[in-house]
């Protein structure tokens, strides 16, 4: 056999080499649990394609649940600024990816956030970071929508806040009712967006053409 080549049986029985750097990026204990999970569903964790899967899963979940280990202050930093003006600000089409807390399957879509300033504004990129902060946890779409609105209110004390989200839930598409073309919309309206129909209509008109409408 050529030098450096291993027989298939050697590959199947050799433990993967895991560096210290890999382990630091993993959710502690999740690699071992994933190994057990693979066995429970009838797979062989020792076969070639699955040797590193437990560690890949542990690293992936570290990223997908990073929101548990950050605060709103971490996401925003010092990006709140004093500013004049009170015209509506809208940040559209913020992609989000989250995991359903009921089935631990993904849901994803787009978020639109608007506010009417009252002496303070927020760096535009920070809205994407706020969306990620609350999305990267086990979640339901309704809660994320409310949390984004609450965070914007807490940071800016604006005259109004609006959040509109549309998501596709794989727990509906892959299992259960198996409706691949369904989507879910949620909204949170605060201040003038709740009390003034014209303000609310202006926002909703601006965010038409969301994920399913493209």
C-alpha atoms as a PDB file:
ATOM      1  CA  UNK A   1       0.000   0.000   0.000  1.00  0.00           C
ATOM      2  CA  UNK A   2       1.440   3.462  -0.888  1.00  0.00           C
ATOM      3  CA  UNK A   3       3.003   5.407   1.943  1.00  0.00           C
ATOM      4  CA  UNK A   4       0.589   7.767   3.694  1.00  0.00           C
ATOM      5  CA  UNK A   5      -2.557   5.857   2.624  1.00  0.00           C
ATOM      6  CA  UNK A   6      -4.795   4.175   5.176  1.00  0.00           C
ATOM      7  CA  UNK A   7      -7.167   1.291   4.711  1.00  0.00           C
ATOM      8  CA  UNK A   8     -10.872   2.075   5.055  1.00  0.00           C
ATOM      9  CA  UNK A   9     -11.086   0.076   8.302  1.00  0.00           C
ATOM     10  CA  UNK A  10      -8.336   2.274   9.778  1.00  0.00           C
ATOM     11  CA  UNK A  11     -10.251   5.416   8.866  1.00  0.00           C
ATOM     12  CA  UNK A  12     -13.433   4.145  10.484  1.00  0.00           C
ATOM     13  CA  UNK A  13     -11.769   3.323  13.768  1.00  0.00           C
ATOM     14  CA  UNK A  14      -9.395   6.279  14.087  1.00  0.00           C
ATOM     15  CA  UNK A  15     -10.469   9.017  16.465  1.00  0.00           C
ATOM     16  CA  UNK A  16     -10.470  12.477  14.866  1.00  0.00           C
ATOM     17  CA  UNK A  17      -7.744  14.851  15.972  1.00  0.00           C
ATOM     18  CA  UNK A  18      -9.320  17.792  17.806  1.00  0.00           C
ATOM     19  CA  UNK A  19      -7.222  20.852  18.461  1.00  0.00           C
ATOM     20  CA  UNK A  20      -7.506  22.977  21.580  1.00  0.00           C
ATOM     21  CA  UNK A  21      -8.711  25.812  19.368  1.00  0.00           C
ATOM     22  CA  UNK A  22     -11.587  23.652  18.076  1.00  0.00           C
ATOM     23  CA  UNK A  23     -12.702  22.808  21.593  1.00  0.00           C
ATOM     24  CA  UNK A  24     -12.746  26.453  22.649  1.00  0.00           C
ATOM     25  CA  UNK A  25     -15.278  27.187  19.906  1.00  0.00           C
ATOM     26  CA  UNK A  26     -17.621  24.360  20.877  1.00  0.00           C
ATOM     27  CA  UNK A  27     -20.613  24.344  23.189  1.00  0.00           C
ATOM     28  CA  UNK A  28     -19.200  22.350  26.142  1.00  0.00           C
ATOM     29  CA  UNK A  29     -20.534  18.799  26.278  1.00  0.00           C
ATOM     30  CA  UNK A  30     -22.483  19.036  23.030  1.00  0.00           C
ATOM     31  CA  UNK A  31     -20.016  16.918  21.063  1.00  0.00           C
ATOM     32  CA  UNK A  32     -20.567  13.919  23.358  1.00  0.00           C
ATOM     33  CA  UNK A  33     -24.335  14.421  23.286  1.00  0.00           C
ATOM     34  CA  UNK A  34     -24.329  14.556  19.486  1.00  0.00           C
ATOM     35  CA  UNK A  35     -22.386  11.276  19.418  1.00  0.00           C
ATOM     36  CA  UNK A  36     -25.149   9.705  21.516  1.00  0.00           C
ATOM     37  CA  UNK A  37     -27.836  11.321  19.346  1.00  0.00           C
ATOM     38  CA  UNK A  38     -26.358   9.792  16.196  1.00  0.00           C
ATOM     39  CA  UNK A  39     -26.475   6.363  17.827  1.00  0.00           C
ATOM     40  CA  UNK A  40     -30.047   6.932  19.022  1.00  0.00           C
ATOM     41  CA  UNK A  41     -31.350   7.583  15.491  1.00  0.00           C
ATOM     42  CA  UNK A  42     -29.692   4.440  14.174  1.00  0.00           C
ATOM     43  CA  UNK A  43     -26.493   5.892  12.739  1.00  0.00           C
ATOM     44  CA  UNK A  44     -22.929   4.726  13.284  1.00  0.00           C
ATOM     45  CA  UNK A  45     -20.910   7.627  14.748  1.00  0.00           C
ATOM     46  CA  UNK A  46     -17.726   5.749  13.832  1.00  0.00           C
ATOM     47  CA  UNK A  47     -18.323   5.725  10.083  1.00  0.00           C
ATOM     48  CA  UNK A  48     -16.111   7.928   7.970  1.00  0.00           C
ATOM     49  CA  UNK A  49     -18.581  10.696   7.166  1.00  0.00           C
ATOM     50  CA  UNK A  50     -19.603  11.160  10.802  1.00  0.00           C
ATOM     51  CA  UNK A  51     -16.255  11.036  12.596  1.00  0.00           C
ATOM     52  CA  UNK A  52     -16.032  14.803  13.067  1.00  0.00           C
ATOM     53  CA  UNK A  53     -19.752  15.515  12.963  1.00  0.00           C
ATOM     54  CA  UNK A  54     -20.163  15.823  16.768  1.00  0.00           C
ATOM     55  CA  UNK A  55     -17.458  18.499  16.850  1.00  0.00           C
ATOM     56  CA  UNK A  56     -18.866  20.294  13.815  1.00  0.00           C
ATOM     57  CA  UNK A  57     -22.291  20.349  15.455  1.00  0.00           C
ATOM     58  CA  UNK A  58     -20.864  21.673  18.723  1.00  0.00           C
ATOM     59  CA  UNK A  59     -19.078  24.473  16.866  1.00  0.00           C
ATOM     60  CA  UNK A  60     -22.121  25.301  14.733  1.00  0.00           C
ATOM     61  CA  UNK A  61     -24.359  25.571  17.788  1.00  0.00           C
ATOM     62  CA  UNK A  62     -21.822  27.802  19.495  1.00  0.00           C
ATOM     63  CA  UNK A  63     -22.326  30.244  16.621  1.00  0.00           C
ATOM     64  CA  UNK A  64     -26.100  29.788  16.322  1.00  0.00           C
ATOM     65  CA  UNK A  65     -26.678  30.411  20.046  1.00  0.00           C
ATOM     66  CA  UNK A  66     -24.164  33.230  20.499  1.00  0.00           C
ATOM     67  CA  UNK A  67     -27.008  35.534  21.537  1.00  0.00           C
ATOM     68  CA  UNK A  68     -27.112  33.903  24.969  1.00  0.00           C
ATOM     69  CA  UNK A  69     -23.649  35.228  25.744  1.00  0.00           C
ATOM     70  CA  UNK A  70     -24.070  38.839  24.614  1.00  0.00           C
ATOM     71  CA  UNK A  71     -25.987  41.820  25.924  1.00  0.00           C
ATOM     72  CA  UNK A  72     -27.666  44.712  24.193  1.00  0.00           C
ATOM     73  CA  UNK A  73     -24.740  46.878  25.269  1.00  0.00           C
ATOM     74  CA  UNK A  74     -22.343  44.442  23.570  1.00  0.00           C
ATOM     75  CA  UNK A  75     -24.322  44.679  20.329  1.00  0.00           C
ATOM     76  CA  UNK A  76     -24.643  48.466  20.266  1.00  0.00           C
ATOM     77  CA  UNK A  77     -21.482  49.758  21.922  1.00  0.00           C
ATOM     78  CA  UNK A  78     -21.227  53.544  21.756  1.00  0.00           C
ATOM     79  CA  UNK A  79     -23.274  53.949  18.563  1.00  0.00           C
ATOM     80  CA  UNK A  80     -26.111  56.020  20.070  1.00  0.00           C
ATOM     81  CA  UNK A  81     -25.767  59.639  18.938  1.00  0.00           C
ATOM     82  CA  UNK A  82     -27.506  62.923  19.678  1.00  0.00           C
ATOM     83  CA  UNK A  83     -29.218  64.236  16.563  1.00  0.00           C
ATOM     84  CA  UNK A  84     -31.856  66.654  15.385  1.00  0.00           C
ATOM     85  CA  UNK A  85     -34.790  65.701  13.250  1.00  0.00           C
ATOM     86  CA  UNK A  86     -37.856  63.562  13.692  1.00  0.00           C
ATOM     87  CA  UNK A  87     -38.376  61.916  10.323  1.00  0.00           C
ATOM     88  CA  UNK A  88     -38.968  58.184  10.078  1.00  0.00           C
ATOM     89  CA  UNK A  89     -35.870  55.988   9.793  1.00  0.00           C
ATOM     90  CA  UNK A  90     -36.323  52.525   8.279  1.00  0.00           C
ATOM     91  CA  UNK A  91     -33.746  49.737   8.078  1.00  0.00           C
ATOM     92  CA  UNK A  92     -35.135  47.126   5.674  1.00  0.00           C
ATOM     93  CA  UNK A  93     -34.364  43.559   4.716  1.00  0.00           C
ATOM     94  CA  UNK A  94     -32.230  42.513   7.668  1.00  0.00           C
ATOM     95  CA  UNK A  95     -31.713  38.789   7.227  1.00  0.00           C
ATOM     96  CA  UNK A  96     -32.200  36.646  10.302  1.00  0.00           C
ATOM     97  CA  UNK A  97     -31.642  32.977  11.089  1.00  0.00           C
ATOM     98  CA  UNK A  98     -32.881  31.350  14.257  1.00  0.00           C
ATOM     99  CA  UNK A  99     -33.797  27.995  15.781  1.00  0.00           C
ATOM    100  CA  UNK A 100     -37.348  27.131  16.802  1.00  0.00           C
ATOM    101  CA  UNK A 101     -37.504  26.374  20.512  1.00  0.00           C
ATOM    102  CA  UNK A 102     -40.266  23.800  20.005  1.00  0.00           C
ATOM    103  CA  UNK A 103     -38.533  21.469  17.530  1.00  0.00           C
ATOM    104  CA  UNK A 104     -34.990  22.895  17.354  1.00  0.00           C
ATOM    105  CA  UNK A 105     -35.341  23.323  13.595  1.00  0.00           C
ATOM    106  CA  UNK A 106     -34.343  26.487  11.730  1.00  0.00           C
ATOM    107  CA  UNK A 107     -36.521  29.400  10.769  1.00  0.00           C
ATOM    108  CA  UNK A 108     -35.288  32.334   8.766  1.00  0.00           C
ATOM    109  CA  UNK A 109     -36.418  35.444   6.959  1.00  0.00           C
ATOM    110  CA  UNK A 110     -36.165  39.221   6.972  1.00  0.00           C
ATOM    111  CA  UNK A 111     -36.749  41.912   9.556  1.00  0.00           C
ATOM    112  CA  UNK A 112     -37.637  45.562   8.981  1.00  0.00           C
ATOM    113  CA  UNK A 113     -37.145  48.080  11.779  1.00  0.00           C
ATOM    114  CA  UNK A 114     -38.330  51.677  11.858  1.00  0.00           C
ATOM    115  CA  UNK A 115     -38.294  54.447  14.439  1.00  0.00           C
ATOM    116  CA  UNK A 116     -39.075  58.135  14.723  1.00  0.00           C
ATOM    117  CA  UNK A 117     -36.177  59.871  16.506  1.00  0.00           C
ATOM    118  CA  UNK A 118     -36.624  62.102  19.508  1.00  0.00           C
ATOM    119  CA  UNK A 119     -33.154  63.554  19.991  1.00  0.00           C
ATOM    120  CA  UNK A 120     -31.196  60.300  19.550  1.00  0.00           C
ATOM    121  CA  UNK A 121     -30.300  58.061  16.629  1.00  0.00           C
ATOM    122  CA  UNK A 122     -28.560  54.693  16.361  1.00  0.00           C
ATOM    123  CA  UNK A 123     -25.841  53.645  13.914  1.00  0.00           C
ATOM    124  CA  UNK A 124     -27.664  51.793  11.160  1.00  0.00           C
ATOM    125  CA  UNK A 125     -25.520  48.633  11.274  1.00  0.00           C
ATOM    126  CA  UNK A 126     -26.432  48.198  14.922  1.00  0.00           C
ATOM    127  CA  UNK A 127     -29.982  47.236  14.006  1.00  0.00           C
ATOM    128  CA  UNK A 128     -28.592  44.172  12.235  1.00  0.00           C
ATOM    129  CA  UNK A 129     -26.594  43.368  15.358  1.00  0.00           C
ATOM    130  CA  UNK A 130     -29.712  43.710  17.529  1.00  0.00           C
ATOM    131  CA  UNK A 131     -31.591  41.337  15.232  1.00  0.00           C
ATOM    132  CA  UNK A 132     -28.718  38.824  15.476  1.00  0.00           C
ATOM    133  CA  UNK A 133     -28.554  39.231  19.255  1.00  0.00           C
ATOM    134  CA  UNK A 134     -32.095  37.958  19.720  1.00  0.00           C
ATOM    135  CA  UNK A 135     -32.215  35.579  16.747  1.00  0.00           C
ATOM    136  CA  UNK A 136     -29.189  33.524  17.762  1.00  0.00           C
ATOM    137  CA  UNK A 137     -31.013  31.709  20.548  1.00  0.00           C
ATOM    138  CA  UNK A 138     -33.760  29.122  20.772  1.00  0.00           C
ATOM    139  CA  UNK A 139     -36.659  31.343  19.847  1.00  0.00           C
ATOM    140  CA  UNK A 140     -40.139  31.963  18.515  1.00  0.00           C
ATOM    141  CA  UNK A 141     -40.627  34.667  15.913  1.00  0.00           C
ATOM    142  CA  UNK A 142     -43.188  36.515  18.003  1.00  0.00           C
ATOM    143  CA  UNK A 143     -40.695  36.979  20.838  1.00  0.00           C
ATOM    144  CA  UNK A 144     -37.865  38.169  18.591  1.00  0.00           C
ATOM    145  CA  UNK A 145     -40.157  40.826  17.119  1.00  0.00           C
ATOM    146  CA  UNK A 146     -41.075  42.135  20.552  1.00  0.00           C
ATOM    147  CA  UNK A 147     -37.494  42.030  21.827  1.00  0.00           C
ATOM    148  CA  UNK A 148     -36.221  44.103  18.902  1.00  0.00           C
ATOM    149  CA  UNK A 149     -38.932  46.700  19.525  1.00  0.00           C
ATOM    150  CA  UNK A 150     -38.219  46.758  23.273  1.00  0.00           C
ATOM    151  CA  UNK A 151     -34.488  47.169  22.661  1.00  0.00           C
ATOM    152  CA  UNK A 152     -34.998  50.075  20.253  1.00  0.00           C
ATOM    153  CA  UNK A 153     -37.288  51.797  22.740  1.00  0.00           C
ATOM    154  CA  UNK A 154     -34.856  51.282  25.600  1.00  0.00           C
ATOM    155  CA  UNK A 155     -31.904  52.652  23.630  1.00  0.00           C
ATOM    156  CA  UNK A 156     -33.485  55.665  21.960  1.00  0.00           C
ATOM    157  CA  UNK A 157     -36.766  56.573  23.710  1.00  0.00           C
ATOM    158  CA  UNK A 158     -38.119  57.463  20.264  1.00  0.00           C
ATOM    159  CA  UNK A 159     -41.524  58.831  19.322  1.00  0.00           C
ATOM    160  CA  UNK A 160     -42.376  55.486  17.797  1.00  0.00           C
ATOM    161  CA  UNK A 161     -40.975  52.078  16.908  1.00  0.00           C
ATOM    162  CA  UNK A 162     -42.141  49.529  14.349  1.00  0.00           C
ATOM    163  CA  UNK A 163     -40.804  46.042  13.689  1.00  0.00           C
ATOM    164  CA  UNK A 164     -42.098  43.772  10.953  1.00  0.00           C
ATOM    165  CA  UNK A 165     -40.727  40.256  10.377  1.00  0.00           C
ATOM    166  CA  UNK A 166     -41.504  37.533   7.869  1.00  0.00           C
ATOM    167  CA  UNK A 167     -40.136  34.058   8.417  1.00  0.00           C
ATOM    168  CA  UNK A 168     -40.139  30.593   6.889  1.00  0.00           C
ATOM    169  CA  UNK A 169     -40.295  27.846   9.510  1.00  0.00           C
ATOM    170  CA  UNK A 170     -38.815  24.468   8.656  1.00  0.00           C
ATOM    171  CA  UNK A 171     -40.816  22.854  11.449  1.00  0.00           C
ATOM    172  CA  UNK A 172     -43.829  23.484   9.175  1.00  0.00           C
ATOM    173  CA  UNK A 173     -42.078  22.706   5.894  1.00  0.00           C
ATOM    174  CA  UNK A 174     -40.119  19.556   6.783  1.00  0.00           C
ATOM    175  CA  UNK A 175     -42.487  17.841   9.219  1.00  0.00           C
ATOM    176  CA  UNK A 176     -46.036  18.021  10.508  1.00  0.00           C
ATOM    177  CA  UNK A 177     -48.247  19.775   7.943  1.00  0.00           C
ATOM    178  CA  UNK A 178     -45.344  19.966   5.436  1.00  0.00           C
ATOM    179  CA  UNK A 179     -46.393  23.272   3.867  1.00  0.00           C
ATOM    180  CA  UNK A 180     -43.309  24.486   2.013  1.00  0.00           C
ATOM    181  CA  UNK A 181     -44.860  27.718   0.746  1.00  0.00           C
ATOM    182  CA  UNK A 182     -46.167  29.047   4.026  1.00  0.00           C
ATOM    183  CA  UNK A 183     -44.646  32.022   5.815  1.00  0.00           C
ATOM    184  CA  UNK A 184     -45.299  33.785   9.101  1.00  0.00           C
ATOM    185  CA  UNK A 185     -45.447  37.544   9.632  1.00  0.00           C
ATOM    186  CA  UNK A 186     -45.221  39.273  12.987  1.00  0.00           C
ATOM    187  CA  UNK A 187     -45.183  42.940  13.940  1.00  0.00           C
ATOM    188  CA  UNK A 188     -44.727  45.182  16.953  1.00  0.00           C
ATOM    189  CA  UNK A 189     -45.928  48.787  16.837  1.00  0.00           C
ATOM    190  CA  UNK A 190     -45.127  51.323  19.537  1.00  0.00           C
ATOM    191  CA  UNK A 191     -45.827  55.030  20.014  1.00  0.00           C
ATOM    192  CA  UNK A 192     -46.922  56.852  16.860  1.00  0.00           C
ATOM    193  CA  UNK A 193     -46.838  53.669  14.807  1.00  0.00           C
ATOM    194  CA  UNK A 194     -49.599  52.333  17.040  1.00  0.00           C
ATOM    195  CA  UNK A 195     -51.631  55.508  17.496  1.00  0.00           C
ATOM    196  CA  UNK A 196     -51.349  57.092  14.046  1.00  0.00           C
ATOM    197  CA  UNK A 197     -52.737  55.004  11.162  1.00  0.00           C
ATOM    198  CA  UNK A 198     -50.991  57.198   8.559  1.00  0.00           C
ATOM    199  CA  UNK A 199     -47.571  56.630  10.155  1.00  0.00           C
ATOM    200  CA  UNK A 200     -48.203  52.907  10.354  1.00  0.00           C
ATOM    201  CA  UNK A 201     -49.393  52.812   6.724  1.00  0.00           C
ATOM    202  CA  UNK A 202     -46.289  54.693   5.565  1.00  0.00           C
ATOM    203  CA  UNK A 203     -44.076  52.093   7.231  1.00  0.00           C
ATOM    204  CA  UNK A 204     -46.005  49.110   5.897  1.00  0.00           C
ATOM    205  CA  UNK A 205     -45.989  50.554   2.391  1.00  0.00           C
ATOM    206  CA  UNK A 206     -42.206  50.995   2.558  1.00  0.00           C
ATOM    207  CA  UNK A 207     -41.545  47.380   3.534  1.00  0.00           C
ATOM    208  CA  UNK A 208     -43.703  45.667   0.930  1.00  0.00           C
ATOM    209  CA  UNK A 209     -41.843  43.085  -1.151  1.00  0.00           C
ATOM    210  CA  UNK A 210     -40.533  41.043   1.742  1.00  0.00           C
ATOM    211  CA  UNK A 211     -39.111  37.526   1.539  1.00  0.00           C
ATOM    212  CA  UNK A 212     -42.084  35.818  -0.115  1.00  0.00           C
ATOM    213  CA  UNK A 213     -42.916  38.782  -2.355  1.00  0.00           C
ATOM    214  CA  UNK A 214     -39.589  38.920  -4.213  1.00  0.00           C
END
